[in-house]
Amino acid sequence: MEITTHDSTIYQGYKRWTQESSTTGDLVIQDLATGELVTIKAEETEEVRETGSPMPTGLTSLLSQDQLLDLFKYVTTLGTRS
């Protein structure tokens, strides 16, 4: 998702919830670049857009078969301990 605030700051990440945000209505995202949770106050929010996948369109067409297999392996093991 992409959130734009009243001061034109843009945040991109995956929507998350905390106990506090469930009560306050604030938005919480997990930043795509850092993995950190970022809370954006509801009253500071200008626009919220669902953006879909963060992977650029057509990226896989540029990869060799070995690179594509490496990418699939990486994606399927995210969040698991290796």
Foldseek 3Di string as FASTA:
>chain_A
DWWAFPVGDIFDAAWDDDPVCVVQVWTWGQGPPPRDIDTHHPNGTDDDDDDPDPDDPPPVVPDDPVVVVVVVVVVVCPPHDD
